[in-house]
């Protein structure tokens, strides 16, 4: 079945010497669990594994039925994204350096 939960704070495989999973660079910096791998559904992150499992199960069922609608789709138009988020950082005035 499509879809899985990824732990973003710990590496997948344990250390050969210690037998424990090591921390990643994302440790404590973002939401820990990410659900991914469902065709037609964008990845989503959660703080707890229980929330991730519940959303994964619900989404898989809805996706199979053809009832899933991503609430984030169409939340922002391309024009709005370009005007407010993409273009402004690129329009920083160039400084003229004196030699």
Protein backbone atom coordinates (compact mmCIF):
# COMPACT_ATOMS: atom_id res chain seq x y z
CA UNK A 1 0.00 0.00 0.00
CA UNK A 2 1.28 3.45 -0.89
CA UNK A 3 2.33 5.89 1.78
CA UNK A 4 4.69 5.72 4.72
CA UNK A 5 5.80 7.69 7.75
CA UNK A 6 9.32 9.08 7.84
CA UNK A 7 11.06 10.00 11.11
CA UNK A 8 13.02 13.15 10.26
CA UNK A 9 14.93 13.30 13.56
CA UNK A 10 16.58 9.87 13.51
CA UNK A 11 18.45 8.05 10.77
CA UNK A 12 16.79 4.95 9.32
CA UNK A 13 19.53 2.48 10.05
CA UNK A 14 21.17 1.96 13.41
CA UNK A 15 24.85 2.57 13.98
CA UNK A 16 26.78 -0.68 13.45
CA UNK A 17 28.86 -0.19 16.59
CA UNK A 18 26.23 0.95 19.09
CA UNK A 19 23.09 -0.55 17.57
CA UNK A 20 21.23 2.74 18.13
CA UNK A 21 19.80 5.13 15.57
CA UNK A 22 21.74 8.39 15.29
CA UNK A 23 20.30 11.91 15.21
CA UNK A 24 19.99 13.81 11.93
CA UNK A 25 20.74 17.50 11.31
CA UNK A 26 16.99 18.21 11.69
CA UNK A 27 16.92 17.00 15.32
CA UNK A 28 14.59 19.35 17.25
CA UNK A 29 14.37 21.91 14.43
CA UNK A 30 11.15 20.91 12.66
CA UNK A 31 8.14 18.66 12.93
CA UNK A 32 9.37 15.14 13.49
CA UNK A 33 7.20 12.85 11.37
CA UNK A 34 6.43 13.28 7.67
CA UNK A 35 3.85 11.26 5.75
CA UNK A 36 4.85 10.76 2.14
CA UNK A 37 4.54 8.43 -0.80
CA UNK A 38 0.81 8.66 -1.54
CA UNK A 39 0.28 9.30 -5.26
CA UNK A 40 -1.53 12.58 -5.90
CA UNK A 41 -1.19 13.73 -2.29
CA UNK A 42 1.44 16.19 -1.06
CA UNK A 43 3.64 15.30 1.91
CA UNK A 44 2.47 16.46 5.31
CA UNK A 45 4.33 16.76 8.64
CA UNK A 46 3.18 16.01 12.20
CA UNK A 47 4.56 16.34 15.73
CA UNK A 48 3.38 12.91 16.93
CA UNK A 49 3.45 9.53 15.27
CA UNK A 50 -0.18 8.93 16.33
CA UNK A 51 -1.34 11.98 14.37
CA UNK A 52 0.71 10.88 11.37
CA UNK A 53 -0.75 7.34 11.45
CA UNK A 54 -4.31 8.63 11.74
CA UNK A 55 -3.90 11.06 8.83
CA UNK A 56 -2.16 8.41 6.71
CA UNK A 57 -4.97 5.89 7.24
CA UNK A 58 -7.69 8.45 6.52
CA UNK A 59 -5.92 9.79 3.44
CA UNK A 60 -5.24 6.34 2.01
CA UNK A 61 -8.90 5.43 2.37
CA UNK A 62 -10.12 8.70 0.84
CA UNK A 63 -7.56 8.48 -1.96
CA UNK A 64 -8.65 4.94 -2.81
CA UNK A 65 -12.28 6.06 -2.95
CA UNK A 66 -11.37 9.14 -4.97
CA UNK A 67 -12.75 11.47 -2.27
CA UNK A 68 -9.49 13.10 -1.13
CA UNK A 69 -9.16 16.83 -1.74
CA UNK A 70 -6.02 18.55 -0.52
CA UNK A 71 -7.12 21.67 1.36
CA UNK A 72 -3.88 23.42 0.39
CA UNK A 73 -4.50 23.13 -3.36
CA UNK A 74 -5.41 26.48 -4.81
CA UNK A 75 -4.77 28.29 -1.54
CA UNK A 76 -2.57 30.79 -3.37
CA UNK A 77 -2.52 31.73 -7.03
CA UNK A 78 0.67 31.68 -9.06
CA UNK A 79 0.44 35.43 -9.58
CA UNK A 80 0.11 36.09 -5.85
CA UNK A 81 3.05 33.77 -5.11
CA UNK A 82 5.30 35.50 -7.64
CA UNK A 83 4.31 39.02 -6.55
CA UNK A 84 4.53 38.50 -2.78
CA UNK A 85 7.01 35.67 -2.20
CA UNK A 86 9.25 34.97 -5.18
CA UNK A 87 9.90 38.36 -6.79
CA UNK A 88 10.60 40.74 -3.82
CA UNK A 89 13.82 39.06 -2.63
CA UNK A 90 15.17 39.23 -6.16
CA UNK A 91 14.48 42.96 -6.50
CA UNK A 92 17.01 44.08 -3.92
CA UNK A 93 18.70 47.21 -5.33
CA UNK A 94 22.24 46.68 -6.47
CA UNK A 95 24.85 48.57 -4.53
CA UNK A 96 27.38 50.58 -6.42
CA UNK A 97 30.84 49.98 -5.11
CA UNK A 98 33.38 52.77 -5.28
CA UNK A 99 36.82 51.69 -6.36
